PDB file of N, CA and C in Angstrom:
ATOM      1  N   UNK A   1     -46.139   3.546 -48.300  1.00  0.00           N
ATOM      2  CA  UNK A   1     -46.009   2.148 -49.048  1.00  0.00           C
ATOM      3  C   UNK A   1     -46.355   0.888 -48.844  1.00  0.00           C
ATOM      4  N   UNK A   2     -45.892   1.064 -47.397  1.00  0.00           N
ATOM      5  CA  UNK A   2     -45.589  -0.965 -46.924  1.00  0.00           C
ATOM      6  C   UNK A   2     -47.017  -0.756 -46.522  1.00  0.00           C
ATOM      7  N   UNK A   3     -47.682   0.345 -46.433  1.00  0.00           N
ATOM      8  CA  UNK A   3     -49.121  -0.596 -46.111  1.00  0.00           C
ATOM      9  C   UNK A   3     -50.032  -0.611 -47.051  1.00  0.00           C
ATOM     10  N   UNK A   4     -49.642  -0.134 -48.119  1.00  0.00           N
ATOM     11  CA  UNK A   4     -50.680  -0.083 -49.713  1.00  0.00           C
ATOM     12  C   UNK A   4     -49.307  -2.066 -49.743  1.00  0.00           C
ATOM     13  N   UNK A   5     -48.151  -2.260 -49.751  1.00  0.00           N
ATOM     14  CA  UNK A   5     -48.144  -3.506 -50.093  1.00  0.00           C
ATOM     15  C   UNK A   5     -48.299  -5.026 -48.947  1.00  0.00           C
ATOM     16  N   UNK A   6     -48.745  -4.100 -47.458  1.00  0.00           N
ATOM     17  CA  UNK A   6     -49.433  -4.976 -46.942  1.00  0.00           C
ATOM     18  C   UNK A   6     -50.719  -5.569 -47.209  1.00  0.00           C
ATOM     19  N   UNK A   7     -52.136  -4.500 -47.825  1.00  0.00           N
ATOM     20  CA  UNK A   7     -53.080  -4.535 -48.346  1.00  0.00           C
ATOM     21  C   UNK A   7     -52.756  -5.456 -49.022  1.00  0.00           C
ATOM     22  N   UNK A   8     -52.452  -5.577 -50.290  1.00  0.00           N
ATOM     23  CA  UNK A   8     -51.896  -6.140 -51.440  1.00  0.00           C
ATOM     24  C   UNK A   8     -51.392  -7.517 -51.056  1.00  0.00           C
ATOM     25  N   UNK A   9     -50.497  -7.674 -49.944  1.00  0.00           N
ATOM     26  CA  UNK A   9     -50.911  -9.498 -50.314  1.00  0.00           C
ATOM     27  C   UNK A   9     -52.029  -9.943 -49.056  1.00  0.00           C
ATOM     28  N   UNK A  10     -52.410  -9.467 -48.412  1.00  0.00           N
ATOM     29  CA  UNK A  10     -53.900 -10.196 -47.040  1.00  0.00           C
ATOM     30  C   UNK A  10     -54.687  -9.951 -48.924  1.00  0.00           C
ATOM     31  N   UNK A  11     -55.457  -9.071 -49.421  1.00  0.00           N
ATOM     32  CA  UNK A  11     -55.676  -9.420 -50.808  1.00  0.00           C
ATOM     33  C   UNK A  11     -55.576 -10.797 -51.206  1.00  0.00           C
ATOM     34  N   UNK A  12     -54.340 -10.315 -51.734  1.00  0.00           N
ATOM     35  CA  UNK A  12     -53.382 -11.987 -52.604  1.00  0.00           C
ATOM     36  C   UNK A  12     -54.056 -13.057 -51.391  1.00  0.00           C
ATOM     37  N   UNK A  13     -53.941 -13.196 -50.617  1.00  0.00           N
ATOM     38  CA  UNK A  13     -53.999 -13.997 -49.690  1.00  0.00           C
ATOM     39  C   UNK A  13     -55.161 -14.748 -49.574  1.00  0.00           C
ATOM     40  N   UNK A  14     -55.796 -13.950 -49.023  1.00  0.00           N
ATOM     41  CA  UNK A  14     -57.491 -14.266 -48.937  1.00  0.00           C
ATOM     42  C   UNK A  14     -58.032 -14.860 -50.236  1.00  0.00           C
ATOM     43  N   UNK A  15     -57.414 -14.234 -51.493  1.00  0.00           N
ATOM     44  CA  UNK A  15     -58.039 -14.769 -52.698  1.00  0.00           C
ATOM     45  C   UNK A  15     -57.317 -16.202 -53.122  1.00  0.00           C
ATOM     46  N   UNK A  16     -56.753 -16.788 -52.762  1.00  0.00           N
ATOM     47  CA  UNK A  16     -55.692 -17.166 -53.229  1.00  0.00           C
ATOM     48  C   UNK A  16     -56.595 -18.713 -52.075  1.00  0.00           C
ATOM     49  N   UNK A  17     -56.237 -17.939 -50.707  1.00  0.00           N
ATOM     50  CA  UNK A  17     -56.641 -19.545 -49.779  1.00  0.00           C
ATOM     51  C   UNK A  17     -58.718 -19.597 -49.766  1.00  0.00           C
ATOM     52  N   UNK A  18     -58.863 -18.954 -50.131  1.00  0.00           N
ATOM     53  CA  UNK A  18     -60.456 -18.085 -50.266  1.00  0.00           C
ATOM     54  C   UNK A  18     -61.541 -19.744 -50.850  1.00  0.00           C
ATOM     55  N   UNK A  19     -62.156 -19.810 -49.642  1.00  0.00           N
ATOM     56  CA  UNK A  19     -63.438 -21.387 -50.200  1.00  0.00           C
ATOM     57  C   UNK A  19     -64.386 -20.002 -50.592  1.00  0.00           C
ATOM     58  N   UNK A  20     -64.940 -18.962 -50.851  1.00  0.00           N
ATOM     59  CA  UNK A  20     -66.006 -18.351 -51.036  1.00  0.00           C
ATOM     60  C   UNK A  20     -66.357 -18.316 -52.303  1.00  0.00           C
ATOM     61  N   UNK A  21     -65.698 -19.050 -53.135  1.00  0.00           N
ATOM     62  CA  UNK A  21     -65.974 -19.299 -54.497  1.00  0.00           C
ATOM     63  C   UNK A  21     -66.219 -17.603 -55.188  1.00  0.00           C
ATOM     64  N   UNK A  22     -65.812 -18.501 -56.976  1.00  0.00           N
ATOM     65  CA  UNK A  22     -66.290 -17.773 -57.761  1.00  0.00           C
ATOM     66  C   UNK A  22     -66.887 -15.803 -57.437  1.00  0.00           C
ATOM     67  N   UNK A  23     -68.124 -15.927 -56.877  1.00  0.00           N
ATOM     68  CA  UNK A  23     -68.300 -14.152 -56.474  1.00  0.00           C
ATOM     69  C   UNK A  23     -67.174 -13.427 -55.948  1.00  0.00           C
ATOM     70  N   UNK A  24     -66.407 -14.080 -54.575  1.00  0.00           N
ATOM     71  CA  UNK A  24     -66.531 -13.621 -53.686  1.00  0.00           C
ATOM     72  C   UNK A  24     -65.079 -12.957 -54.608  1.00  0.00           C
ATOM     73  N   UNK A  25     -64.402 -13.742 -55.251  1.00  0.00           N
ATOM     74  CA  UNK A  25     -63.147 -13.697 -55.817  1.00  0.00           C
ATOM     75  C   UNK A  25     -63.762 -11.982 -57.473  1.00  0.00           C
ATOM     76  N   UNK A  26     -64.563 -12.518 -57.504  1.00  0.00           N
ATOM     77  CA  UNK A  26     -64.736 -11.206 -58.106  1.00  0.00           C
ATOM     78  C   UNK A  26     -64.916  -9.726 -57.701  1.00  0.00           C
ATOM     79  N   UNK A  27     -66.346  -9.647 -56.382  1.00  0.00           N
ATOM     80  CA  UNK A  27     -65.514  -8.936 -55.472  1.00  0.00           C
ATOM     81  C   UNK A  27     -64.522  -8.257 -54.706  1.00  0.00           C
ATOM     82  N   UNK A  28     -63.617  -8.857 -54.625  1.00  0.00           N
ATOM     83  CA  UNK A  28     -62.158  -8.825 -54.944  1.00  0.00           C
ATOM     84  C   UNK A  28     -61.349  -7.915 -55.331  1.00  0.00           C
ATOM     85  N   UNK A  29     -60.996  -8.465 -56.644  1.00  0.00           N
ATOM     86  CA  UNK A  29     -61.284  -8.338 -57.825  1.00  0.00           C
ATOM     87  C   UNK A  29     -61.115  -7.044 -58.542  1.00  0.00           C
ATOM     88  N   UNK A  30     -62.359  -7.197 -58.094  1.00  0.00           N
ATOM     89  CA  UNK A  30     -62.952  -5.921 -58.930  1.00  0.00           C
ATOM     90  C   UNK A  30     -63.007  -4.580 -57.710  1.00  0.00           C
ATOM     91  N   UNK A  31     -62.832  -4.921 -56.099  1.00  0.00           N
ATOM     92  CA  UNK A  31     -62.486  -3.818 -55.620  1.00  0.00           C
ATOM     93  C   UNK A  31     -60.469  -2.688 -55.674  1.00  0.00           C
ATOM     94  N   UNK A  32     -59.571  -3.920 -55.552  1.00  0.00           N
ATOM     95  CA  UNK A  32     -58.732  -4.162 -55.642  1.00  0.00           C
ATOM     96  C   UNK A  32     -58.803  -3.523 -56.822  1.00  0.00           C
ATOM     97  N   UNK A  33     -59.052  -3.644 -58.263  1.00  0.00           N
ATOM     98  CA  UNK A  33     -58.747  -2.996 -59.154  1.00  0.00           C
ATOM     99  C   UNK A  33     -59.164  -0.945 -58.790  1.00  0.00           C
ATOM    100  N   UNK A  34     -60.127  -0.746 -58.065  1.00  0.00           N
ATOM    101  CA  UNK A  34     -60.677   0.520 -57.979  1.00  0.00           C
ATOM    102  C   UNK A  34     -59.690   1.274 -57.161  1.00  0.00           C
ATOM    103  N   UNK A  35     -59.314   0.583 -55.825  1.00  0.00           N
ATOM    104  CA  UNK A  35     -58.345   0.534 -55.683  1.00  0.00           C
ATOM    105  C   UNK A  35     -56.896   1.086 -56.358  1.00  0.00           C
ATOM    106  N   UNK A  36     -56.394   0.387 -57.169  1.00  0.00           N
ATOM    107  CA  UNK A  36     -55.205   1.100 -57.539  1.00  0.00           C
ATOM    108  C   UNK A  36     -55.531   1.593 -59.192  1.00  0.00           C
ATOM    109  N   UNK A  37     -57.005   1.935 -59.515  1.00  0.00           N
ATOM    110  CA  UNK A  37     -57.047   3.467 -59.925  1.00  0.00           C
ATOM    111  C   UNK A  37     -57.620   4.200 -59.438  1.00  0.00           C
ATOM    112  N   UNK A  38     -57.505   4.285 -58.278  1.00  0.00           N
ATOM    113  CA  UNK A  38     -58.253   5.749 -57.138  1.00  0.00           C
ATOM    114  C   UNK A  38     -56.743   6.740 -56.933  1.00  0.00           C
ATOM    115  N   UNK A  39     -57.435   7.738 -57.561  1.00  0.00           N
ATOM    116  CA  UNK A  39     -56.727   8.905 -57.525  1.00  0.00           C
ATOM    117  C   UNK A  39     -54.931   9.349 -56.272  1.00  0.00           C
ATOM    118  N   UNK A  40     -55.810   8.554 -55.113  1.00  0.00           N
ATOM    119  CA  UNK A  40     -53.907   8.846 -53.912  1.00  0.00           C
ATOM    120  C   UNK A  40     -53.009   8.185 -54.367  1.00  0.00           C
ATOM    121  N   UNK A  41     -53.947   6.031 -54.664  1.00  0.00           N
ATOM    122  CA  UNK A  41     -52.878   5.562 -55.228  1.00  0.00           C
ATOM    123  C   UNK A  41     -51.475   5.857 -56.681  1.00  0.00           C
ATOM    124  N   UNK A  42     -52.427   6.787 -57.383  1.00  0.00           N
ATOM    125  CA  UNK A  42     -51.905   6.787 -58.954  1.00  0.00           C
ATOM    126  C   UNK A  42     -51.012   7.856 -59.152  1.00  0.00           C
ATOM    127  N   UNK A  43     -51.599   8.894 -57.855  1.00  0.00           N
ATOM    128  CA  UNK A  43     -50.535   9.755 -57.902  1.00  0.00           C
ATOM    129  C   UNK A  43     -48.807   9.203 -56.463  1.00  0.00           C
ATOM    130  N   UNK A  44     -48.701   7.799 -55.717  1.00  0.00           N
ATOM    131  CA  UNK A  44     -47.817   7.949 -55.147  1.00  0.00           C
ATOM    132  C   UNK A  44     -47.285   6.597 -56.111  1.00  0.00           C
ATOM    133  N   UNK A  45     -48.023   6.217 -57.305  1.00  0.00           N
ATOM    134  CA  UNK A  45     -47.114   5.555 -58.101  1.00  0.00           C
ATOM    135  C   UNK A  45     -46.470   6.749 -59.050  1.00  0.00           C
ATOM    136  N   UNK A  46     -46.974   7.527 -59.900  1.00  0.00           N
ATOM    137  CA  UNK A  46     -46.572   8.804 -60.225  1.00  0.00           C
ATOM    138  C   UNK A  46     -45.278   9.436 -60.110  1.00  0.00           C
ATOM    139  N   UNK A  47     -44.530   9.286 -57.987  1.00  0.00           N
ATOM    140  CA  UNK A  47     -44.451  10.305 -57.486  1.00  0.00           C
ATOM    141  C   UNK A  47     -42.326   9.288 -57.903  1.00  0.00           C
ATOM    142  N   UNK A  48     -43.552   7.337 -57.096  1.00  0.00           N
ATOM    143  CA  UNK A  48     -42.759   6.709 -57.188  1.00  0.00           C
ATOM    144  C   UNK A  48     -42.052   6.451 -58.617  1.00  0.00           C
ATOM    145  N   UNK A  49     -42.089   6.404 -59.568  1.00  0.00           N
ATOM    146  CA  UNK A  49     -41.850   6.565 -60.848  1.00  0.00           C
ATOM    147  C   UNK A  49     -40.322   7.637 -60.949  1.00  0.00           C
ATOM    148  N   UNK A  50     -40.995   8.349 -60.633  1.00  0.00           N
ATOM    149  CA  UNK A  50     -40.367   9.754 -60.964  1.00  0.00           C
ATOM    150  C   UNK A  50     -38.480   9.698 -60.439  1.00  0.00           C
ATOM    151  N   UNK A  51     -38.690   9.512 -58.943  1.00  0.00           N
ATOM    152  CA  UNK A  51     -38.345   8.810 -57.901  1.00  0.00           C
ATOM    153  C   UNK A  51     -37.097   7.880 -58.394  1.00  0.00           C
ATOM    154  N   UNK A  52     -37.574   6.513 -59.214  1.00  0.00           N
ATOM    155  CA  UNK A  52     -36.564   5.685 -60.094  1.00  0.00           C
ATOM    156  C   UNK A  52     -36.125   6.146 -60.669  1.00  0.00           C
ATOM    157  N   UNK A  53     -36.197   7.276 -61.905  1.00  0.00           N
ATOM    158  CA  UNK A  53     -35.843   7.425 -62.869  1.00  0.00           C
ATOM    159  C   UNK A  53     -34.620   8.373 -62.558  1.00  0.00           C
ATOM    160  N   UNK A  54     -34.948   9.445 -61.546  1.00  0.00           N
ATOM    161  CA  UNK A  54     -34.131  10.327 -61.376  1.00  0.00           C
ATOM    162  C   UNK A  54     -32.945   9.485 -60.471  1.00  0.00           C
ATOM    163  N   UNK A  55     -33.305   8.364 -59.913  1.00  0.00           N
ATOM    164  CA  UNK A  55     -31.954   7.677 -60.006  1.00  0.00           C
ATOM    165  C   UNK A  55     -30.929   7.176 -59.837  1.00  0.00           C
ATOM    166  N   UNK A  56     -32.254   6.707 -60.764  1.00  0.00           N
ATOM    167  CA  UNK A  56     -31.760   5.663 -62.245  1.00  0.00           C
ATOM    168  C   UNK A  56     -29.882   6.026 -62.623  1.00  0.00           C
ATOM    169  N   UNK A  57     -29.411   7.009 -63.011  1.00  0.00           N
ATOM    170  CA  UNK A  57     -28.287   7.095 -63.556  1.00  0.00           C
ATOM    171  C   UNK A  57     -27.060   6.294 -62.365  1.00  0.00           C
ATOM    172  N   UNK A  58     -27.550   6.974 -61.552  1.00  0.00           N
ATOM    173  CA  UNK A  58     -26.685   6.735 -59.191  1.00  0.00           C
ATOM    174  C   UNK A  58     -26.123   5.358 -59.916  1.00  0.00           C
ATOM    175  N   UNK A  59     -27.523   4.494 -59.678  1.00  0.00           N
ATOM    176  CA  UNK A  59     -27.778   3.090 -59.013  1.00  0.00           C
ATOM    177  C   UNK A  59     -26.783   1.825 -59.985  1.00  0.00           C
ATOM    178  N   UNK A  60     -27.430   2.918 -61.321  1.00  0.00           N
ATOM    179  CA  UNK A  60     -25.994   2.371 -62.460  1.00  0.00           C
ATOM    180  C   UNK A  60     -24.841   2.126 -62.336  1.00  0.00           C
ATOM    181  N   UNK A  61     -24.238   3.701 -62.017  1.00  0.00           N
ATOM    182  CA  UNK A  61     -23.225   3.364 -61.912  1.00  0.00           C
ATOM    183  C   UNK A  61     -22.464   2.900 -60.461  1.00  0.00           C
ATOM    184  N   UNK A  62     -23.413   2.918 -59.357  1.00  0.00           N
ATOM    185  CA  UNK A  62     -22.556   2.101 -58.282  1.00  0.00           C
ATOM    186  C   UNK A  62     -22.997   0.750 -58.276  1.00  0.00           C
ATOM    187  N   UNK A  63     -23.370   0.132 -59.315  1.00  0.00           N
ATOM    188  CA  UNK A  63     -24.228  -1.234 -60.174  1.00  0.00           C
ATOM    189  C   UNK A  63     -22.882  -1.809 -61.089  1.00  0.00           C
ATOM    190  N   UNK A  64     -22.203  -0.480 -61.265  1.00  0.00           N
ATOM    191  CA  UNK A  64     -20.676  -1.173 -61.926  1.00  0.00           C
ATOM    192  C   UNK A  64     -20.323  -1.183 -61.255  1.00  0.00           C
ATOM    193  N   UNK A  65     -19.575  -0.074 -60.618  1.00  0.00           N
ATOM    194  CA  UNK A  65     -18.479  -0.228 -59.738  1.00  0.00           C
ATOM    195  C   UNK A  65     -18.236  -1.188 -58.803  1.00  0.00           C
ATOM    196  N   UNK A  66     -19.742  -1.626 -57.972  1.00  0.00           N
ATOM    197  CA  UNK A  66     -19.492  -2.415 -57.689  1.00  0.00           C
ATOM    198  C   UNK A  66     -18.655  -4.336 -58.300  1.00  0.00           C
ATOM    199  N   UNK A  67     -19.856  -4.108 -59.474  1.00  0.00           N
ATOM    200  CA  UNK A  67     -19.450  -5.372 -60.327  1.00  0.00           C
ATOM    201  C   UNK A  67     -17.916  -5.714 -61.159  1.00  0.00           C
ATOM    202  N   UNK A  68     -17.220  -4.027 -61.061  1.00  0.00           N
ATOM    203  CA  UNK A  68     -16.037  -3.933 -61.579  1.00  0.00           C
ATOM    204  C   UNK A  68     -14.876  -5.548 -60.514  1.00  0.00           C
ATOM    205  N   UNK A  69     -15.579  -4.366 -59.533  1.00  0.00           N
ATOM    206  CA  UNK A  69     -14.973  -4.627 -58.140  1.00  0.00           C
ATOM    207  C   UNK A  69     -15.064  -5.818 -58.360  1.00  0.00           C
ATOM    208  N   UNK A  70     -16.513  -7.078 -58.097  1.00  0.00           N
ATOM    209  CA  UNK A  70     -16.521  -8.144 -57.545  1.00  0.00           C
ATOM    210  C   UNK A  70     -15.698  -8.886 -58.965  1.00  0.00           C
ATOM    211  N   UNK A  71     -15.815  -8.043 -59.682  1.00  0.00           N
ATOM    212  CA  UNK A  71     -14.818  -9.306 -61.458  1.00  0.00           C
ATOM    213  C   UNK A  71     -13.632  -8.845 -61.134  1.00  0.00           C
ATOM    214  N   UNK A  72     -13.185  -8.123 -60.420  1.00  0.00           N
ATOM    215  CA  UNK A  72     -11.633  -8.503 -60.312  1.00  0.00           C
ATOM    216  C   UNK A  72     -11.158  -9.125 -59.569  1.00  0.00           C
ATOM    217  N   UNK A  73     -11.827  -9.026 -58.442  1.00  0.00           N
ATOM    218  CA  UNK A  73     -11.740  -9.756 -56.506  1.00  0.00           C
ATOM    219  C   UNK A  73     -12.518 -11.114 -57.437  1.00  0.00           C
ATOM    220  N   UNK A  74     -12.170 -11.894 -57.974  1.00  0.00           N
ATOM    221  CA  UNK A  74     -13.217 -13.605 -58.482  1.00  0.00           C
ATOM    222  C   UNK A  74     -11.599 -13.728 -59.683  1.00  0.00           C
ATOM    223  N   UNK A  75     -11.313 -12.543 -60.292  1.00  0.00           N
ATOM    224  CA  UNK A  75     -10.220 -12.711 -61.503  1.00  0.00           C
ATOM    225  C   UNK A  75      -9.041 -13.499 -60.565  1.00  0.00           C
ATOM    226  N   UNK A  76      -8.676 -12.507 -59.533  1.00  0.00           N
ATOM    227  CA  UNK A  76      -7.288 -12.530 -58.682  1.00  0.00           C
ATOM    228  C   UNK A  76      -7.196 -14.231 -57.945  1.00  0.00           C
ATOM    229  N   UNK A  77      -8.614 -14.138 -57.336  1.00  0.00           N
ATOM    230  CA  UNK A  77      -8.809 -15.372 -57.124  1.00  0.00           C
ATOM    231  C   UNK A  77      -8.671 -16.839 -57.011  1.00  0.00           C
ATOM    232  N   UNK A  78      -9.015 -16.246 -59.165  1.00  0.00           N
ATOM    233  CA  UNK A  78      -9.311 -18.064 -59.549  1.00  0.00           C
ATOM    234  C   UNK A  78      -7.641 -18.173 -60.677  1.00  0.00           C
ATOM    235  N   UNK A  79      -6.835 -16.957 -60.306  1.00  0.00           N
ATOM    236  CA  UNK A  79      -5.658 -16.615 -61.302  1.00  0.00           C
ATOM    237  C   UNK A  79      -4.644 -17.053 -60.728  1.00  0.00           C
ATOM    238  N   UNK A  80      -4.856 -16.022 -59.510  1.00  0.00           N
ATOM    239  CA  UNK A  80      -3.791 -15.399 -58.434  1.00  0.00           C
ATOM    240  C   UNK A  80      -3.339 -16.519 -57.637  1.00  0.00           C
ATOM    241  N   UNK A  81      -1.667 -16.705 -56.954  1.00  0.00           N
ATOM    242  CA  UNK A  81      -1.164 -17.540 -56.400  1.00  0.00           C
ATOM    243  C   UNK A  81      -0.512 -17.479 -55.349  1.00  0.00           C
ATOM    244  N   UNK A  82      -0.911 -18.478 -54.680  1.00  0.00           N
ATOM    245  CA  UNK A  82      -0.084 -18.421 -52.325  1.00  0.00           C
ATOM    246  C   UNK A  82       1.348 -18.797 -52.971  1.00  0.00           C
ATOM    247  N   UNK A  83       2.003 -18.054 -53.656  1.00  0.00           N
ATOM    248  CA  UNK A  83       3.423 -19.205 -52.961  1.00  0.00           C
ATOM    249  C   UNK A  83       4.064 -18.383 -52.242  1.00  0.00           C
ATOM    250  N   UNK A  84       5.391 -19.360 -51.656  1.00  0.00           N
ATOM    251  CA  UNK A  84       6.181 -18.858 -51.110  1.00  0.00           C
ATOM    252  C   UNK A  84       7.117 -17.995 -51.173  1.00  0.00           C
ATOM    253  N   UNK A  85       7.964 -17.492 -50.380  1.00  0.00           N
ATOM    254  CA  UNK A  85       8.410 -15.701 -51.077  1.00  0.00           C
ATOM    255  C   UNK A  85       9.740 -16.678 -52.012  1.00  0.00           C
ATOM    256  N   UNK A  86       9.657 -17.924 -51.823  1.00  0.00           N
ATOM    257  CA  UNK A  86      11.697 -18.239 -52.030  1.00  0.00           C
ATOM    258  C   UNK A  86      11.495 -18.807 -53.971  1.00  0.00           C
ATOM    259  N   UNK A  87       9.546 -19.317 -53.640  1.00  0.00           N
ATOM    260  CA  UNK A  87       9.186 -19.447 -54.788  1.00  0.00           C
ATOM    261  C   UNK A  87       8.491 -17.728 -55.964  1.00  0.00           C
ATOM    262  N   UNK A  88       8.416 -18.385 -57.322  1.00  0.00           N
ATOM    263  CA  UNK A  88       8.178 -17.332 -58.025  1.00  0.00           C
ATOM    264  C   UNK A  88       7.816 -17.774 -59.165  1.00  0.00           C
ATOM    265  N   UNK A  89       7.222 -17.765 -60.070  1.00  0.00           N
ATOM    266  CA  UNK A  89       6.804 -17.651 -61.452  1.00  0.00           C
ATOM    267  C   UNK A  89       7.846 -16.894 -62.742  1.00  0.00           C
ATOM    268  N   UNK A  90       8.366 -18.248 -63.863  1.00  0.00           N
ATOM    269  CA  UNK A  90       9.616 -17.156 -64.191  1.00  0.00           C
ATOM    270  C   UNK A  90       8.333 -16.632 -66.054  1.00  0.00           C
ATOM    271  N   UNK A  91       8.974 -15.895 -66.265  1.00  0.00           N
ATOM    272  CA  UNK A  91       8.614 -15.532 -67.469  1.00  0.00           C
ATOM    273  C   UNK A  91       7.824 -16.686 -68.759  1.00  0.00           C
ATOM    274  N   UNK A  92       8.643 -17.508 -68.044  1.00  0.00           N
ATOM    275  CA  UNK A  92       8.787 -18.657 -69.186  1.00  0.00           C
ATOM    276  C   UNK A  92       7.129 -19.291 -67.954  1.00  0.00           C
ATOM    277  N   UNK A  93       6.796 -19.371 -67.598  1.00  0.00           N
ATOM    278  CA  UNK A  93       5.466 -19.380 -66.689  1.00  0.00           C
ATOM    279  C   UNK A  93       5.993 -20.542 -65.664  1.00  0.00           C
ATOM    280  N   UNK A  94       7.168 -21.082 -66.195  1.00  0.00           N
ATOM    281  CA  UNK A  94       7.326 -22.065 -64.888  1.00  0.00           C
ATOM    282  C   UNK A  94       7.989 -21.953 -63.973  1.00  0.00           C
ATOM    283  N   UNK A  95       8.172 -22.092 -63.507  1.00  0.00           N
ATOM    284  CA  UNK A  95       7.720 -21.900 -61.187  1.00  0.00           C
ATOM    285  C   UNK A  95       9.873 -22.833 -60.857  1.00  0.00           C
ATOM    286  N   UNK A  96       9.992 -21.279 -60.129  1.00  0.00           N
ATOM    287  CA  UNK A  96      11.844 -20.640 -59.607  1.00  0.00           C
ATOM    288  C   UNK A  96      11.972 -20.794 -58.624  1.00  0.00           C
ATOM    289  N   UNK A  97      12.425 -22.596 -58.080  1.00  0.00           N
ATOM    290  CA  UNK A  97      13.358 -21.846 -56.534  1.00  0.00           C
ATOM    291  C   UNK A  97      14.457 -20.134 -56.816  1.00  0.00           C
ATOM    292  N   UNK A  98      14.308 -19.945 -55.348  1.00  0.00           N
ATOM    293  CA  UNK A  98      15.330 -18.835 -54.902  1.00  0.00           C
ATOM    294  C   UNK A  98      16.272 -19.553 -53.899  1.00  0.00           C
ATOM    295  N   UNK A  99      17.081 -19.355 -55.282  1.00  0.00           N
ATOM    296  CA  UNK A  99      18.689 -20.662 -54.320  1.00  0.00           C
ATOM    297  C   UNK A  99      19.919 -19.905 -53.726  1.00  0.00           C
ATOM    298  N   UNK A 100      18.882 -19.213 -52.951  1.00  0.00           N
ATOM    299  CA  UNK A 100      20.649 -18.238 -53.273  1.00  0.00           C
ATOM    300  C   UNK A 100      20.454 -18.250 -51.622  1.00  0.00           C
ATOM    301  N   UNK A 101      19.796 -19.168 -50.804  1.00  0.00           N
ATOM    302  CA  UNK A 101      19.473 -19.395 -49.584  1.00  0.00           C
ATOM    303  C   UNK A 101      19.272 -20.793 -49.196  1.00  0.00           C
ATOM    304  N   UNK A 102      19.700 -21.731 -47.609  1.00  0.00           N
ATOM    305  CA  UNK A 102      18.832 -22.762 -47.289  1.00  0.00           C
ATOM    306  C   UNK A 102      17.653 -22.093 -46.576  1.00  0.00           C
ATOM    307  N   UNK A 103      16.476 -22.107 -46.228  1.00  0.00           N
ATOM    308  CA  UNK A 103      15.175 -21.828 -45.675  1.00  0.00           C
ATOM    309  C   UNK A 103      15.311 -20.135 -45.711  1.00  0.00           C
ATOM    310  N   UNK A 104      15.108 -20.134 -44.999  1.00  0.00           N
ATOM    311  CA  UNK A 104      13.592 -18.467 -44.223  1.00  0.00           C
ATOM    312  C   UNK A 104      15.121 -17.898 -44.364  1.00  0.00           C
ATOM    313  N   UNK A 105      15.830 -18.010 -43.331  1.00  0.00           N
ATOM    314  CA  UNK A 105      16.755 -17.330 -43.202  1.00  0.00           C
ATOM    315  C   UNK A 105      17.078 -17.148 -41.348  1.00  0.00           C
ATOM    316  N   UNK A 106      18.850 -16.443 -41.318  1.00  0.00           N
ATOM    317  CA  UNK A 106      19.006 -16.876 -40.643  1.00  0.00           C
ATOM    318  C   UNK A 106      18.121 -15.600 -39.119  1.00  0.00           C
ATOM    319  N   UNK A 107      17.822 -14.313 -40.186  1.00  0.00           N
ATOM    320  CA  UNK A 107      16.814 -13.712 -39.826  1.00  0.00           C
ATOM    321  C   UNK A 107      15.410 -13.618 -39.558  1.00  0.00           C
ATOM    322  N   UNK A 108      15.365 -15.283 -39.818  1.00  0.00           N
ATOM    323  CA  UNK A 108      13.272 -14.730 -39.672  1.00  0.00           C
ATOM    324  C   UNK A 108      13.073 -16.688 -38.959  1.00  0.00           C
ATOM    325  N   UNK A 109      14.437 -17.326 -38.385  1.00  0.00           N
ATOM    326  CA  UNK A 109      14.225 -18.469 -37.347  1.00  0.00           C
ATOM    327  C   UNK A 109      13.878 -17.855 -36.111  1.00  0.00           C
ATOM    328  N   UNK A 110      12.946 -18.780 -35.622  1.00  0.00           N
ATOM    329  CA  UNK A 110      12.386 -18.023 -34.253  1.00  0.00           C
ATOM    330  C   UNK A 110      13.792 -17.989 -32.245  1.00  0.00           C
TER     331      UNK A 110
END
């Protein structure tokens, strides 16, 4: 498959960059059509299509779980607050300070 992709790229590059004119373009186009419709190429295309059909549910499932995780992570980053331990947001939506002591506490001093 990699060789076919490489050859297709070479052909496309030559067609786009060629200065040989319309006749050479038609020759290349005709040969590319012959290669594409050949039995080995079409057999390989068919097997790739089958592999894609078989793996589609697995890929969709993984993609769904990754999207869900990414969405959850983005939501947390956008809505989450990084507040100090002495502050919290109350049920009223306002910030409230912990007034039980002054500073981080004796056990947390250097």
